[in-house]
C-alpha atoms as a PDB file:
ATOM      1  CA  MET A   1     -50.547  31.582 -17.864  1.00  0.00           C
ATOM      2  CA  VAL A   2     -51.519  28.446 -15.501  1.00  0.00           C
ATOM      3  CA  THR A   3     -52.290  26.562 -18.138  1.00  0.00           C
ATOM      4  CA  TRP A   4     -48.991  26.429 -19.726  1.00  0.00           C
ATOM      5  CA  ALA A   5     -47.606  25.976 -16.157  1.00  0.00           C
ATOM      6  CA  ILE A   6     -49.708  23.111 -16.079  1.00  0.00           C
ATOM      7  CA  LEU A   7     -48.666  21.827 -19.369  1.00  0.00           C
ATOM      8  CA  PHE A   8     -45.062  22.264 -18.857  1.00  0.00           C
ATOM      9  CA  ALA A   9     -45.246  20.390 -15.411  1.00  0.00           C
ATOM     10  CA  TRP A  10     -46.919  17.414 -17.254  1.00  0.00           C
ATOM     11  CA  LEU A  11     -44.324  17.618 -20.353  1.00  0.00           C
ATOM     12  CA  SER A  12     -41.183  17.562 -17.634  1.00  0.00           C
ATOM     13  CA  PRO A  13     -38.819  14.392 -17.594  1.00  0.00           C
ATOM     14  CA  ALA A  14     -39.588  14.179 -14.121  1.00  0.00           C
ATOM     15  CA  ALA A  15     -43.317  13.650 -14.827  1.00  0.00           C
ATOM     16  CA  SER A  16     -42.290  11.200 -17.247  1.00  0.00           C
ATOM     17  CA  CYS A  17     -40.619   9.230 -14.879  1.00  0.00           C
ATOM     18  CA  ASN A  18     -43.062   9.291 -12.440  1.00  0.00           C
ATOM     19  CA  ARG A  19     -45.947   7.979 -15.147  1.00  0.00           C
ATOM     20  CA  LEU A  20     -44.064   5.291 -16.582  1.00  0.00           C
ATOM     21  CA  THR A  21     -42.585   4.386 -12.569  1.00  0.00           C
ATOM     22  CA  LEU A  22     -46.386   4.057 -11.916  1.00  0.00           C
ATOM     23  CA  SER A  23     -47.735   2.221 -15.075  1.00  0.00           C
ATOM     24  CA  ILE A  24     -45.203  -0.344 -14.594  1.00  0.00           C
ATOM     25  CA  SER A  25     -46.143  -0.745 -10.829  1.00  0.00           C
ATOM     26  CA  CYS A  26     -50.010  -1.218 -12.150  1.00  0.00           C
ATOM     27  CA  ILE A  27     -48.267  -3.929 -14.638  1.00  0.00           C
ATOM     28  CA  ASP A  28     -46.392  -5.550 -11.879  1.00  0.00           C
ATOM     29  CA  ILE A  29     -49.562  -5.799  -9.920  1.00  0.00           C
ATOM     30  CA  ARG A  30     -51.721  -7.303 -12.034  1.00  0.00           C
ATOM     31  CA  HIS A  31     -49.074  -9.746 -13.041  1.00  0.00           C
ATOM     32  CA  SER A  32     -48.432 -10.984  -9.551  1.00  0.00           C
ATOM     33  CA  SER A  33     -52.272 -11.327  -8.868  1.00  0.00           C
ATOM     34  CA  ARG A  34     -52.675 -13.529 -12.005  1.00  0.00           C
ATOM     35  CA  LEU A  35     -49.884 -15.705 -10.759  1.00  0.00           C
ATOM     36  CA  ALA A  36     -51.457 -15.516  -7.237  1.00  0.00           C
ATOM     37  CA  ALA A  37     -54.556 -16.971  -8.570  1.00  0.00           C
ATOM     38  CA  MET A  38     -52.794 -19.538 -10.681  1.00  0.00           C
ATOM     39  CA  SER A  39     -50.643 -21.033  -7.849  1.00  0.00           C
ATOM     40  CA  ILE A  40     -53.629 -21.566  -5.248  1.00  0.00           C
ATOM     41  CA  PRO A  41     -55.326 -24.960  -6.466  1.00  0.00           C
ATOM     42  CA  PRO A  42     -58.959 -25.193  -6.666  1.00  0.00           C
ATOM     43  CA  PRO A  43     -61.113 -26.484  -3.591  1.00  0.00           C
ATOM     44  CA  PRO A  44     -61.825 -29.889  -3.880  1.00  0.00           C
ATOM     45  CA  PRO A  45     -65.599 -30.862  -4.970  1.00  0.00           C
ATOM     46  CA  PRO A  46     -67.574 -31.411  -1.789  1.00  0.00           C
ATOM     47  CA  GLN A  47     -68.097 -35.035  -0.638  1.00  0.00           C
ATOM     48  CA  SER A  48     -71.584 -36.760  -0.443  1.00  0.00           C
ATOM     49  CA  PRO A  49     -72.569 -37.618   3.012  1.00  0.00           C
ATOM     50  CA  SER A  50     -73.419 -41.272   1.620  1.00  0.00           C
ATOM     51  CA  GLY A  51     -69.605 -41.426   0.472  1.00  0.00           C
ATOM     52  CA  GLN A  52     -68.328 -41.492   4.241  1.00  0.00           C
ATOM     53  CA  ARG A  53     -69.981 -44.451   5.536  1.00  0.00           C
ATOM     54  CA  ASP A  54     -71.934 -47.288   3.228  1.00  0.00           C
ATOM     55  CA  PRO A  55     -75.334 -47.392   4.798  1.00  0.00           C
ATOM     56  CA  SER A  56     -76.067 -50.960   3.659  1.00  0.00           C
ATOM     57  CA  LEU A  57     -76.346 -53.792   5.602  1.00  0.00           C
ATOM     58  CA  PHE A  58     -73.210 -55.238   4.496  1.00  0.00           C
ATOM     59  CA  GLY A  59     -71.348 -51.764   4.837  1.00  0.00           C
ATOM     60  CA  ARG A  60     -72.728 -51.726   8.540  1.00  0.00           C
ATOM     61  CA  PHE A  61     -70.866 -55.349   8.519  1.00  0.00           C
ATOM     62  CA  LYS A  62     -67.498 -54.519   7.077  1.00  0.00           C
ATOM     63  CA  TRP A  63     -67.832 -51.074   9.265  1.00  0.00           C
ATOM     64  CA  PHE A  64     -67.952 -53.606  12.253  1.00  0.00           C
ATOM     65  CA  ALA A  65     -65.331 -55.685  11.055  1.00  0.00           C
ATOM     66  CA  ALA A  66     -63.319 -53.075  10.816  1.00  0.00           C
ATOM     67  CA  ALA A  67     -63.503 -51.509  14.056  1.00  0.00           C
ATOM     68  CA  TRP A  68     -63.016 -54.685  15.620  1.00  0.00           C
ATOM     69  CA  CYS A  69     -59.755 -56.033  13.492  1.00  0.00           C
ATOM     70  CA  ARG A  70     -58.022 -52.408  13.273  1.00  0.00           C
ATOM     71  CA  THR A  71     -58.146 -51.356  16.823  1.00  0.00           C
ATOM     72  CA  PRO A  72     -56.732 -53.251  19.852  1.00  0.00           C
ATOM     73  CA  ALA A  73     -60.363 -54.714  21.025  1.00  0.00           C
ATOM     74  CA  GLY A  74     -60.414 -57.510  18.919  1.00  0.00           C
ATOM     75  CA  GLY A  75     -57.032 -59.154  19.823  1.00  0.00           C
ATOM     76  CA  GLY A  76     -56.938 -57.827  23.204  1.00  0.00           C
ATOM     77  CA  THR A  77     -60.122 -59.613  23.661  1.00  0.00           C
ATOM     78  CA  THR A  78     -59.525 -62.900  21.919  1.00  0.00           C
ATOM     79  CA  ALA A  79     -55.922 -63.200  24.030  1.00  0.00           C
ATOM     80  CA  LEU A  80     -58.034 -62.711  27.580  1.00  0.00           C
ATOM     81  CA  ALA A  81     -60.829 -65.332  26.332  1.00  0.00           C
ATOM     82  CA  THR A  82     -58.038 -67.924  25.422  1.00  0.00           C
ATOM     83  CA  LEU A  83     -55.945 -67.048  28.619  1.00  0.00           C
ATOM     84  CA  TYR A  84     -59.449 -67.763  30.388  1.00  0.00           C
ATOM     85  CA  LEU A  85     -59.650 -70.987  29.302  1.00  0.00           C
ATOM     86  CA  TYR A  86     -56.197 -72.527  30.965  1.00  0.00           C
ATOM     87  CA  PRO A  87     -57.311 -73.090  34.732  1.00  0.00           C
ATOM     88  CA  PHE A  88     -60.204 -75.460  32.931  1.00  0.00           C
ATOM     89  CA  SER A  89     -58.125 -77.540  30.312  1.00  0.00           C
ATOM     90  CA  ARG A  90     -55.520 -77.631  33.593  1.00  0.00           C
ATOM     91  CA  MET A  91     -57.740 -79.371  35.240  1.00  0.00           C
ATOM     92  CA  LEU A  92     -58.880 -81.966  32.543  1.00  0.00           C
ATOM     93  CA  ARG A  93     -55.691 -82.639  31.533  1.00  0.00           C
ATOM     94  CA  ALA A  94     -55.397 -85.810  32.458  1.00  0.00           C
ATOM     95  CA  GLU A  95     -59.141 -87.084  31.285  1.00  0.00           C
ATOM     96  CA  THR A  96     -59.189 -89.492  28.204  1.00  0.00           C
ATOM     97  CA  PRO A  97     -60.387 -88.980  25.517  1.00  0.00           C
ATOM     98  CA  ARG A  98     -58.505 -85.918  25.967  1.00  0.00           C
ATOM     99  CA  VAL A  99     -60.440 -82.307  26.109  1.00  0.00           C
ATOM    100  CA  LEU A 100     -59.343 -79.872  23.924  1.00  0.00           C
ATOM    101  CA  PRO A 101     -57.614 -77.075  23.939  1.00  0.00           C
ATOM    102  CA  ARG A 102     -54.681 -78.502  25.986  1.00  0.00           C
ATOM    103  CA  HIS A 103     -53.372 -76.388  28.946  1.00  0.00           C
ATOM    104  CA  THR A 104     -49.944 -76.078  27.067  1.00  0.00           C
ATOM    105  CA  SER A 105     -51.359 -74.053  23.859  1.00  0.00           C
ATOM    106  CA  LEU A 106     -53.260 -71.691  25.336  1.00  0.00           C
ATOM    107  CA  PRO A 107     -50.295 -69.050  26.714  1.00  0.00           C
ATOM    108  CA  PHE A 108     -48.852 -69.388  23.364  1.00  0.00           C
ATOM    109  CA  PHE A 109     -52.147 -68.267  21.531  1.00  0.00           C
ATOM    110  CA  SER A 110     -52.919 -65.748  24.215  1.00  0.00           C
ATOM    111  CA  ALA A 111     -49.365 -64.291  23.165  1.00  0.00           C
ATOM    112  CA  VAL A 112     -50.066 -64.123  19.876  1.00  0.00           C
ATOM    113  CA  PHE A 113     -53.310 -62.563  20.133  1.00  0.00           C
ATOM    114  CA  ALA A 114     -52.323 -59.800  22.463  1.00  0.00           C
ATOM    115  CA  LEU A 115     -49.575 -59.062  19.709  1.00  0.00           C
ATOM    116  CA  SER A 116     -52.148 -58.709  17.182  1.00  0.00           C
ATOM    117  CA  SER A 117     -53.756 -56.166  19.340  1.00  0.00           C
ATOM    118  CA  TYR A 118     -50.272 -54.341  19.905  1.00  0.00           C
ATOM    119  CA  MET A 119     -49.727 -53.677  16.254  1.00  0.00           C
ATOM    120  CA  SER A 120     -53.265 -52.430  15.816  1.00  0.00           C
ATOM    121  CA  PHE A 121     -52.478 -50.493  18.697  1.00  0.00           C
ATOM    122  CA  ALA A 122     -49.001 -49.361  17.010  1.00  0.00           C
ATOM    123  CA  GLY A 123     -50.718 -48.140  13.909  1.00  0.00           C
ATOM    124  CA  TYR A 124     -50.674 -51.288  12.141  1.00  0.00           C
ATOM    125  CA  GLY A 125     -54.203 -52.270  11.867  1.00  0.00           C
ATOM    126  CA  ARG A 126     -54.019 -53.967   8.593  1.00  0.00           C
ATOM    127  CA  ASP A 127     -51.274 -56.309   9.478  1.00  0.00           C
ATOM    128  CA  GLY A 128     -52.677 -57.011  13.088  1.00  0.00           C
ATOM    129  CA  ALA A 129     -55.912 -58.083  11.317  1.00  0.00           C
ATOM    130  CA  GLY A 130     -54.189 -60.759   9.319  1.00  0.00           C
ATOM    131  CA  VAL A 131     -52.250 -62.046  12.173  1.00  0.00           C
ATOM    132  CA  LEU A 132     -55.481 -62.423  14.149  1.00  0.00           C
ATOM    133  CA  SER A 133     -57.427 -63.603  11.461  1.00  0.00           C
ATOM    134  CA  ALA A 134     -54.525 -66.448  10.690  1.00  0.00           C
ATOM    135  CA  TRP A 135     -54.101 -67.794  14.231  1.00  0.00           C
ATOM    136  CA  SER A 136     -57.777 -67.882  14.412  1.00  0.00           C
ATOM    137  CA  MET A 137     -58.076 -70.535  11.888  1.00  0.00           C
ATOM    138  CA  VAL A 138     -55.151 -72.264  13.295  1.00  0.00           C
ATOM    139  CA  TYR A 139     -56.806 -72.309  16.654  1.00  0.00           C
ATOM    140  CA  LEU A 140     -60.115 -73.761  14.780  1.00  0.00           C
ATOM    141  CA  LEU A 141     -58.715 -76.351  13.313  1.00  0.00           C
ATOM    142  CA  VAL A 142     -56.858 -77.660  16.300  1.00  0.00           C
ATOM    143  CA  ASN A 143     -59.312 -77.276  18.729  1.00  0.00           C
ATOM    144  CA  ALA A 144     -62.731 -77.450  17.120  1.00  0.00           C
ATOM    145  CA  ARG A 145     -62.938 -81.306  17.800  1.00  0.00           C
ATOM    146  CA  ASN A 146     -62.870 -82.959  20.799  1.00  0.00           C
ATOM    147  CA  GLY A 147     -62.769 -86.828  19.985  1.00  0.00           C
ATOM    148  CA  ALA A 148     -65.196 -89.090  21.911  1.00  0.00           C
ATOM    149  CA  LYS A 149     -66.413 -86.211  24.007  1.00  0.00           C
ATOM    150  CA  GLY A 150     -68.559 -84.621  21.221  1.00  0.00           C
ATOM    151  CA  TRP A 151     -68.894 -80.825  20.117  1.00  0.00           C
ATOM    152  CA  VAL A 152     -66.227 -78.933  22.647  1.00  0.00           C
ATOM    153  CA  ALA A 153     -67.238 -81.260  25.211  1.00  0.00           C
ATOM    154  CA  MET A 154     -70.119 -78.970  26.549  1.00  0.00           C
ATOM    155  CA  SER A 155     -70.872 -81.518  29.750  1.00  0.00           C
ATOM    156  CA  ARG A 156     -67.323 -80.842  30.642  1.00  0.00           C
ATOM    157  CA  PRO A 157     -65.948 -77.867  33.166  1.00  0.00           C
ATOM    158  CA  GLY A 158     -65.312 -75.041  30.866  1.00  0.00           C
ATOM    159  CA  GLY A 159     -67.682 -75.878  28.235  1.00  0.00           C
ATOM    160  CA  GLY A 160     -69.263 -72.878  27.887  1.00  0.00           C
ATOM    161  CA  PRO A 161     -66.375 -70.627  27.580  1.00  0.00           C
ATOM    162  CA  ARG A 162     -64.922 -73.083  25.529  1.00  0.00           C
ATOM    163  CA  ALA A 163     -67.760 -72.801  22.699  1.00  0.00           C
ATOM    164  CA  ALA A 164     -67.807 -68.978  22.959  1.00  0.00           C
ATOM    165  CA  THR A 165     -64.064 -68.652  22.578  1.00  0.00           C
ATOM    166  CA  LEU A 166     -64.602 -71.079  19.244  1.00  0.00           C
ATOM    167  CA  ALA A 167     -67.669 -68.444  18.271  1.00  0.00           C
ATOM    168  CA  VAL A 168     -65.254 -65.459  18.828  1.00  0.00           C
ATOM    169  CA  MET A 169     -62.250 -67.174  16.684  1.00  0.00           C
ATOM    170  CA  GLY A 170     -64.587 -67.740  14.069  1.00  0.00           C
ATOM    171  CA  TRP A 171     -65.690 -64.363  13.729  1.00  0.00           C
ATOM    172  CA  ASN A 172     -61.795 -63.346  13.832  1.00  0.00           C
ATOM    173  CA  ALA A 173     -61.417 -65.568  11.219  1.00  0.00           C
ATOM    174  CA  VAL A 174     -64.472 -64.057   8.463  1.00  0.00           C
ATOM    175  CA  ALA A 175     -63.873 -60.208   9.785  1.00  0.00           C
ATOM    176  CA  GLY A 176     -59.754 -60.259   9.691  1.00  0.00           C
ATOM    177  CA  SER A 177     -59.618 -62.123   6.781  1.00  0.00           C
ATOM    178  CA  GLY A 178     -61.658 -59.177   4.843  1.00  0.00           C
ATOM    179  CA  VAL A 179     -59.872 -56.284   6.238  1.00  0.00           C
ATOM    180  CA  PHE A 180     -56.254 -57.882   5.522  1.00  0.00           C
ATOM    181  CA  LEU A 181     -57.282 -59.418   2.258  1.00  0.00           C
ATOM    182  CA  PHE A 182     -59.802 -56.780   0.613  1.00  0.00           C
ATOM    183  CA  GLY A 183     -59.253 -53.675   2.735  1.00  0.00           C
ATOM    184  CA  TRP A 184     -62.064 -53.152   4.817  1.00  0.00           C
ATOM    185  CA  GLY A 185     -62.550 -49.801   6.633  1.00  0.00           C
ATOM    186  CA  GLY A 186     -59.423 -48.524   4.604  1.00  0.00           C
ATOM    187  CA  GLN A 187     -60.629 -44.953   5.544  1.00  0.00           C
ATOM    188  CA  GLY A 188     -59.587 -45.511   9.121  1.00  0.00           C
ATOM    189  CA  GLY A 189     -58.068 -48.021  11.543  1.00  0.00           C
ATOM    190  CA  GLY A 190     -54.879 -48.481  13.752  1.00  0.00           C
ATOM    191  CA  GLY A 191     -53.116 -45.706  15.710  1.00  0.00           C
ATOM    192  CA  GLY A 192     -54.054 -46.400  19.126  1.00  0.00           C
ATOM    193  CA  TRP A 193     -58.013 -46.730  20.072  1.00  0.00           C
ATOM    194  CA  LYS A 194     -59.345 -44.857  17.463  1.00  0.00           C
ATOM    195  CA  MET A 195     -59.589 -45.721  14.073  1.00  0.00           C
ATOM    196  CA  LYS A 196     -57.456 -43.483  11.965  1.00  0.00           C
ATOM    197  CA  MET A 197     -55.077 -43.995   9.570  1.00  0.00           C
ATOM    198  CA  PRO A 198     -51.588 -43.413  10.543  1.00  0.00           C
ATOM    199  CA  GLU A 199     -48.503 -42.828   7.984  1.00  0.00           C
ATOM    200  CA  ALA A 200     -47.296 -46.187   9.102  1.00  0.00           C
ATOM    201  CA  GLU A 201     -50.133 -48.358   7.096  1.00  0.00           C
ATOM    202  CA  ALA A 202     -50.714 -48.421   3.307  1.00  0.00           C
ATOM    203  CA  VAL A 203     -53.824 -49.451   2.136  1.00  0.00           C
END
């Protein structure tokens, strides 16, 4: 009697409906799991530690050049160096033959280098490096010689700072050209005082 009751309950329409609903639910769960597995992208392959920074000597040179030109340090230091020469140039403005740089040009150069520093701070590290490099070359072309006074007029007041400023300009020309033309330090640079890549800069 019990067997007939169990068989009747199993074959009843309500039981058939429950079995069908359970089967459809299982199919939906399996299908949803497959869709979820297909929608999740695979994890990226792990990067080797050596890919973060080139350990060679040239790699370190490029990193230092990017750290100098893609942050406000390069332009700010150069702007202060050119402005520091102003009192010496003004003191020697009446000498003949003239001693370069002329005091009238130094505020302009200092303002341009300050602009390149601000460009790096605002996030345009590569463009700021280009401005720094280009105007450093202009400074070298204009002020590298001092006529009959000889090389940077070392015996005159401010001779040491003039030579140091020319050395900074030469470094800016090399480092800034590498950053601007070849994208040195493309994984970082610009955006405040830290080397990070902002949305505004495309390398």
